[in-house]
Amino acid sequence: MGDRKQARDEEFQAFVIGRWPRLMRTAFLLTGEQHAAEDLVQSTLEQVYVAWRKVGSADDPEAYVRRVMINAHARKHRRRLKEFLAPKDDSGISHELPDTGDRISQADDRNALLRALAQLPPRQREAVVLRYWEDLTETQTAEAMGCSVGAVKSNAAKGIAKLRAIPELADTVTYGGRK
């Protein structure tokens, strides 16, 4: 019994260590604050740990965890908690370093992009972040958001259109890898 629990704990620990940066990036893009992102990831991992036997044996544990995170964020947002993607005073916040090959990291003014992202309604922000920042397929995004592929397409298209309407982002916002 103890050996199985230890093996399960080690498997969970390896999963967390391997996925922590990506989970934090997604959480930061959803919440807009480093501390809120850390809280979201921590609460998500608490829920996942309790069900790790089921999660670890899932076809795609990372997708399962991402769905738990999206649901936790949505529940928090329904309670009308205010979130800011670009805090007024960002001194003391450790900024994310972009992945190599991250198309959005190529934006000249990353802060302008984050401020623009903060202006999107929550579902549009989720769709844009998951589709274009996390590079998930429409099906994976729909699963993570708990909606239809059509809703993902609609929310992503509306979000991208709003981002394209911002003059300082007009040259940097891409759709499906093309300008």
C-alpha atoms as a PDB file:
ATOM      1  CA  MET A   1       0.000   0.000   0.000  1.00  0.00           C
ATOM      2  CA  GLY A   2       2.753   2.441   0.997  1.00  0.00           C
ATOM      3  CA  ASP A   3       4.794   1.666  -2.119  1.00  0.00           C
ATOM      4  CA  ARG A   4       1.840   2.417  -4.427  1.00  0.00           C
ATOM      5  CA  LYS A   5       1.144   5.716  -2.655  1.00  0.00           C
ATOM      6  CA  GLN A   6       4.802   6.681  -2.855  1.00  0.00           C
ATOM      7  CA  ALA A   7       4.906   5.802  -6.562  1.00  0.00           C
ATOM      8  CA  ARG A   8       1.731   7.839  -7.155  1.00  0.00           C
ATOM      9  CA  ASP A   9       3.207  10.785  -5.229  1.00  0.00           C
ATOM     10  CA  GLU A  10       6.412  10.593  -7.268  1.00  0.00           C
ATOM     11  CA  GLU A  11       4.411  10.465 -10.501  1.00  0.00           C
ATOM     12  CA  PHE A  12       2.402  13.517  -9.418  1.00  0.00           C
ATOM     13  CA  GLN A  13       5.568  15.367  -8.399  1.00  0.00           C
ATOM     14  CA  ALA A  14       7.206  14.637 -11.768  1.00  0.00           C
ATOM     15  CA  PHE A  15       4.069  15.878 -13.541  1.00  0.00           C
ATOM     16  CA  VAL A  16       4.029  19.125 -11.539  1.00  0.00           C
ATOM     17  CA  ILE A  17       7.731  19.794 -12.043  1.00  0.00           C
ATOM     18  CA  GLY A  18       7.447  19.195 -15.773  1.00  0.00           C
ATOM     19  CA  ARG A  19       4.304  21.279 -16.294  1.00  0.00           C
ATOM     20  CA  TRP A  20       4.742  24.089 -13.730  1.00  0.00           C
ATOM     21  CA  PRO A  21       6.024  26.796 -16.148  1.00  0.00           C
ATOM     22  CA  ARG A  22       3.253  26.182 -18.670  1.00  0.00           C
ATOM     23  CA  LEU A  23       0.550  26.021 -15.980  1.00  0.00           C
ATOM     24  CA  MET A  24       1.828  29.289 -14.497  1.00  0.00           C
ATOM     25  CA  ARG A  25       1.880  30.986 -17.895  1.00  0.00           C
ATOM     26  CA  THR A  26      -1.695  29.951 -18.631  1.00  0.00           C
ATOM     27  CA  ALA A  27      -2.851  30.986 -15.161  1.00  0.00           C
ATOM     28  CA  PHE A  28      -1.115  34.358 -15.464  1.00  0.00           C
ATOM     29  CA  LEU A  29      -2.750  35.031 -18.807  1.00  0.00           C
ATOM     30  CA  LEU A  30      -6.137  34.131 -17.346  1.00  0.00           C
ATOM     31  CA  THR A  31      -5.829  36.056 -14.081  1.00  0.00           C
ATOM     32  CA  GLY A  32      -3.475  38.899 -14.927  1.00  0.00           C
ATOM     33  CA  GLU A  33      -1.575  38.856 -11.645  1.00  0.00           C
ATOM     34  CA  GLN A  34       1.375  36.774 -10.545  1.00  0.00           C
ATOM     35  CA  HIS A  35      -0.072  36.047  -7.102  1.00  0.00           C
ATOM     36  CA  ALA A  36      -3.518  35.218  -8.463  1.00  0.00           C
ATOM     37  CA  ALA A  37      -1.893  32.912 -11.021  1.00  0.00           C
ATOM     38  CA  GLU A  38       0.065  31.139  -8.290  1.00  0.00           C
ATOM     39  CA  ASP A  39      -3.121  30.742  -6.247  1.00  0.00           C
ATOM     40  CA  LEU A  40      -5.009  29.381  -9.258  1.00  0.00           C
ATOM     41  CA  VAL A  41      -2.301  26.835 -10.064  1.00  0.00           C
ATOM     42  CA  GLN A  42      -1.984  25.822  -6.415  1.00  0.00           C
ATOM     43  CA  SER A  43      -5.721  25.311  -5.930  1.00  0.00           C
ATOM     44  CA  THR A  44      -5.882  23.421  -9.230  1.00  0.00           C
ATOM     45  CA  LEU A  45      -3.043  21.120  -8.184  1.00  0.00           C
ATOM     46  CA  GLU A  46      -4.700  20.533  -4.804  1.00  0.00           C
ATOM     47  CA  GLN A  47      -7.844  19.308  -6.568  1.00  0.00           C
ATOM     48  CA  VAL A  48      -5.839  17.236  -9.018  1.00  0.00           C
ATOM     49  CA  TYR A  49      -3.696  15.604  -6.328  1.00  0.00           C
ATOM     50  CA  VAL A  50      -6.787  14.261  -4.560  1.00  0.00           C
ATOM     51  CA  ALA A  51      -7.896  12.617  -7.810  1.00  0.00           C
ATOM     52  CA  TRP A  52      -4.414  11.815  -9.145  1.00  0.00           C
ATOM     53  CA  ARG A  53      -5.143   8.104  -9.587  1.00  0.00           C
ATOM     54  CA  LYS A  54      -7.881   9.033 -12.079  1.00  0.00           C
ATOM     55  CA  VAL A  55      -6.011  12.012 -13.577  1.00  0.00           C
ATOM     56  CA  GLY A  56      -2.703  10.186 -13.975  1.00  0.00           C
ATOM     57  CA  SER A  57      -4.347   7.357 -15.865  1.00  0.00           C
ATOM     58  CA  ALA A  58      -6.280   9.699 -18.192  1.00  0.00           C
ATOM     59  CA  ASP A  59      -5.352   9.778 -21.884  1.00  0.00           C
ATOM     60  CA  ASP A  60      -4.059  13.350 -21.525  1.00  0.00           C
ATOM     61  CA  PRO A  61      -3.441  14.354 -17.892  1.00  0.00           C
ATOM     62  CA  GLU A  62      -2.323  17.843 -18.917  1.00  0.00           C
ATOM     63  CA  ALA A  63      -5.647  18.488 -20.682  1.00  0.00           C
ATOM     64  CA  TYR A  64      -7.487  17.255 -17.586  1.00  0.00           C
ATOM     65  CA  VAL A  65      -5.502  19.640 -15.359  1.00  0.00           C
ATOM     66  CA  ARG A  66      -6.027  22.520 -17.784  1.00  0.00           C
ATOM     67  CA  ARG A  67      -9.790  21.878 -17.679  1.00  0.00           C
ATOM     68  CA  VAL A  68      -9.750  21.916 -13.865  1.00  0.00           C
ATOM     69  CA  MET A  69      -7.862  25.248 -14.015  1.00  0.00           C
ATOM     70  CA  ILE A  70     -10.296  26.811 -16.499  1.00  0.00           C
ATOM     71  CA  ASN A  71     -13.252  25.687 -14.373  1.00  0.00           C
ATOM     72  CA  ALA A  72     -11.671  27.080 -11.199  1.00  0.00           C
ATOM     73  CA  HIS A  73     -10.994  30.389 -12.933  1.00  0.00           C
ATOM     74  CA  ALA A  74     -14.527  30.541 -14.333  1.00  0.00           C
ATOM     75  CA  ARG A  75     -16.030  29.884 -10.887  1.00  0.00           C
ATOM     76  CA  LYS A  76     -13.948  32.687  -9.431  1.00  0.00           C
ATOM     77  CA  HIS A  77     -14.919  35.021 -12.247  1.00  0.00           C
ATOM     78  CA  ARG A  78     -18.627  34.303 -11.795  1.00  0.00           C
ATOM     79  CA  ARG A  79     -18.282  35.602  -8.261  1.00  0.00           C
ATOM     80  CA  ARG A  80     -17.367  38.915  -9.857  1.00  0.00           C
ATOM     81  CA  LEU A  81     -13.828  39.105  -8.533  1.00  0.00           C
ATOM     82  CA  LYS A  82     -11.976  41.855 -10.368  1.00  0.00           C
ATOM     83  CA  GLU A  83      -8.870  40.873 -12.260  1.00  0.00           C
ATOM     84  CA  PHE A  84      -6.307  43.058 -13.944  1.00  0.00           C
ATOM     85  CA  LEU A  85      -3.951  41.732 -16.569  1.00  0.00           C
ATOM     86  CA  ALA A  86      -1.742  44.835 -16.450  1.00  0.00           C
ATOM     87  CA  PRO A  87      -1.359  46.050 -12.854  1.00  0.00           C
ATOM     88  CA  LYS A  88      -0.720  49.763 -12.319  1.00  0.00           C
ATOM     89  CA  ASP A  89       2.426  49.039 -10.344  1.00  0.00           C
ATOM     90  CA  ASP A  90       4.288  46.043 -11.648  1.00  0.00           C
ATOM     91  CA  SER A  91       7.465  46.537  -9.661  1.00  0.00           C
ATOM     92  CA  GLY A  92       8.141  43.380  -7.743  1.00  0.00           C
ATOM     93  CA  ILE A  93       6.312  41.129 -10.205  1.00  0.00           C
ATOM     94  CA  SER A  94       8.501  38.536 -11.824  1.00  0.00           C
ATOM     95  CA  HIS A  95       7.698  38.686 -15.496  1.00  0.00           C
ATOM     96  CA  GLU A  96       7.243  35.604 -17.620  1.00  0.00           C
ATOM     97  CA  LEU A  97       9.968  34.784 -20.102  1.00  0.00           C
ATOM     98  CA  PRO A  98       8.479  33.801 -23.454  1.00  0.00           C
ATOM     99  CA  ASP A  99       9.030  30.339 -24.887  1.00  0.00           C
ATOM    100  CA  THR A 100      11.208  30.193 -27.951  1.00  0.00           C
ATOM    101  CA  GLY A 101       8.929  30.015 -30.962  1.00  0.00           C
ATOM    102  CA  ASP A 102       6.061  31.696 -29.086  1.00  0.00           C
ATOM    103  CA  ARG A 103       4.488  33.830 -31.844  1.00  0.00           C
ATOM    104  CA  ILE A 104       2.934  36.285 -29.440  1.00  0.00           C
ATOM    105  CA  SER A 105       6.316  36.888 -27.770  1.00  0.00           C
ATOM    106  CA  GLN A 106       7.363  38.480 -31.024  1.00  0.00           C
ATOM    107  CA  ALA A 107       5.065  41.423 -30.353  1.00  0.00           C
ATOM    108  CA  ASP A 108       7.068  44.624 -30.077  1.00  0.00           C
ATOM    109  CA  ASP A 109       5.219  45.762 -27.010  1.00  0.00           C
ATOM    110  CA  ARG A 110       4.314  42.801 -24.827  1.00  0.00           C
ATOM    111  CA  ASN A 111       2.761  45.082 -22.199  1.00  0.00           C
ATOM    112  CA  ALA A 112       0.414  46.570 -24.801  1.00  0.00           C
ATOM    113  CA  LEU A 113      -0.676  43.061 -25.734  1.00  0.00           C
ATOM    114  CA  LEU A 114      -1.308  42.123 -22.100  1.00  0.00           C
ATOM    115  CA  ARG A 115      -3.328  45.309 -21.531  1.00  0.00           C
ATOM    116  CA  ALA A 116      -5.356  44.582 -24.658  1.00  0.00           C
ATOM    117  CA  LEU A 117      -5.925  40.988 -23.569  1.00  0.00           C
ATOM    118  CA  ALA A 118      -7.238  42.262 -20.231  1.00  0.00           C
ATOM    119  CA  GLN A 119      -9.931  44.227 -22.061  1.00  0.00           C
ATOM    120  CA  LEU A 120     -11.441  41.100 -23.625  1.00  0.00           C
ATOM    121  CA  PRO A 121     -14.456  39.458 -21.987  1.00  0.00           C
ATOM    122  CA  PRO A 122     -13.439  36.339 -19.997  1.00  0.00           C
ATOM    123  CA  ARG A 123     -14.600  33.718 -22.531  1.00  0.00           C
ATOM    124  CA  GLN A 124     -12.917  35.533 -25.427  1.00  0.00           C
ATOM    125  CA  ARG A 125      -9.735  35.878 -23.364  1.00  0.00           C
ATOM    126  CA  GLU A 126      -9.810  32.152 -22.526  1.00  0.00           C
ATOM    127  CA  ALA A 127     -10.331  31.204 -26.181  1.00  0.00           C
ATOM    128  CA  VAL A 128      -7.543  33.484 -27.431  1.00  0.00           C
ATOM    129  CA  VAL A 129      -5.094  32.404 -24.718  1.00  0.00           C
ATOM    130  CA  LEU A 130      -5.723  28.696 -25.193  1.00  0.00           C
ATOM    131  CA  ARG A 131      -5.837  28.751 -29.010  1.00  0.00           C
ATOM    132  CA  TYR A 132      -3.062  31.176 -29.845  1.00  0.00           C
ATOM    133  CA  TRP A 133      -0.818  31.409 -26.796  1.00  0.00           C
ATOM    134  CA  GLU A 134      -1.042  27.780 -25.691  1.00  0.00           C
ATOM    135  CA  ASP A 135      -1.417  26.636 -29.325  1.00  0.00           C
ATOM    136  CA  LEU A 136      -4.216  24.167 -28.561  1.00  0.00           C
ATOM    137  CA  THR A 137      -6.468  22.860 -31.307  1.00  0.00           C
ATOM    138  CA  GLU A 138     -10.083  24.022 -31.440  1.00  0.00           C
ATOM    139  CA  THR A 139     -11.168  20.657 -30.053  1.00  0.00           C
ATOM    140  CA  GLN A 140      -8.677  20.804 -27.159  1.00  0.00           C
ATOM    141  CA  THR A 141      -9.732  24.382 -26.403  1.00  0.00           C
ATOM    142  CA  ALA A 142     -13.412  23.393 -26.438  1.00  0.00           C
ATOM    143  CA  GLU A 143     -12.674  20.556 -24.020  1.00  0.00           C
ATOM    144  CA  ALA A 144     -10.703  22.871 -21.718  1.00  0.00           C
ATOM    145  CA  MET A 145     -13.424  25.533 -21.770  1.00  0.00           C
ATOM    146  CA  GLY A 146     -16.305  23.067 -21.540  1.00  0.00           C
ATOM    147  CA  CYS A 147     -18.057  24.355 -24.630  1.00  0.00           C
ATOM    148  CA  SER A 148     -18.568  23.492 -28.293  1.00  0.00           C
ATOM    149  CA  VAL A 149     -15.968  23.942 -31.021  1.00  0.00           C
ATOM    150  CA  GLY A 150     -18.302  26.523 -32.562  1.00  0.00           C
ATOM    151  CA  ALA A 151     -18.248  28.568 -29.362  1.00  0.00           C
ATOM    152  CA  VAL A 152     -14.445  28.442 -29.380  1.00  0.00           C
ATOM    153  CA  LYS A 153     -14.345  29.612 -33.006  1.00  0.00           C
ATOM    154  CA  SER A 154     -16.780  32.414 -32.262  1.00  0.00           C
ATOM    155  CA  ASN A 155     -15.067  33.602 -29.083  1.00  0.00           C
ATOM    156  CA  ALA A 156     -11.592  33.379 -30.612  1.00  0.00           C
ATOM    157  CA  ALA A 157     -12.652  35.247 -33.763  1.00  0.00           C
ATOM    158  CA  LYS A 158     -14.335  38.013 -31.768  1.00  0.00           C
ATOM    159  CA  GLY A 159     -11.332  38.281 -29.441  1.00  0.00           C
ATOM    160  CA  ILE A 160      -8.838  38.453 -32.309  1.00  0.00           C
ATOM    161  CA  ALA A 161     -11.020  41.042 -34.082  1.00  0.00           C
ATOM    162  CA  LYS A 162     -11.007  43.213 -30.939  1.00  0.00           C
ATOM    163  CA  LEU A 163      -7.239  42.856 -30.638  1.00  0.00           C
ATOM    164  CA  ARG A 164      -6.778  43.738 -34.313  1.00  0.00           C
ATOM    165  CA  ALA A 165      -8.852  46.891 -33.797  1.00  0.00           C
ATOM    166  CA  ILE A 166      -6.220  48.252 -31.404  1.00  0.00           C
ATOM    167  CA  PRO A 167      -3.868  50.359 -33.571  1.00  0.00           C
ATOM    168  CA  GLU A 168      -0.675  49.594 -31.642  1.00  0.00           C
ATOM    169  CA  LEU A 169      -1.331  45.841 -32.081  1.00  0.00           C
ATOM    170  CA  ALA A 170      -2.553  45.872 -35.672  1.00  0.00           C
ATOM    171  CA  ASP A 171       0.759  44.606 -37.084  1.00  0.00           C
ATOM    172  CA  THR A 172       1.413  42.022 -34.384  1.00  0.00           C
ATOM    173  CA  VAL A 173      -1.885  40.142 -34.002  1.00  0.00           C
ATOM    174  CA  THR A 174      -1.991  37.013 -36.108  1.00  0.00           C
ATOM    175  CA  TYR A 175      -4.796  34.572 -36.797  1.00  0.00           C
ATOM    176  CA  GLY A 176      -3.867  30.964 -37.284  1.00  0.00           C
ATOM    177  CA  GLY A 177      -0.193  31.833 -37.708  1.00  0.00           C
ATOM    178  CA  ARG A 178      -0.840  34.307 -40.547  1.00  0.00           C
ATOM    179  CA  LYS A 179      -1.174  38.087 -40.429  1.00  0.00           C
END
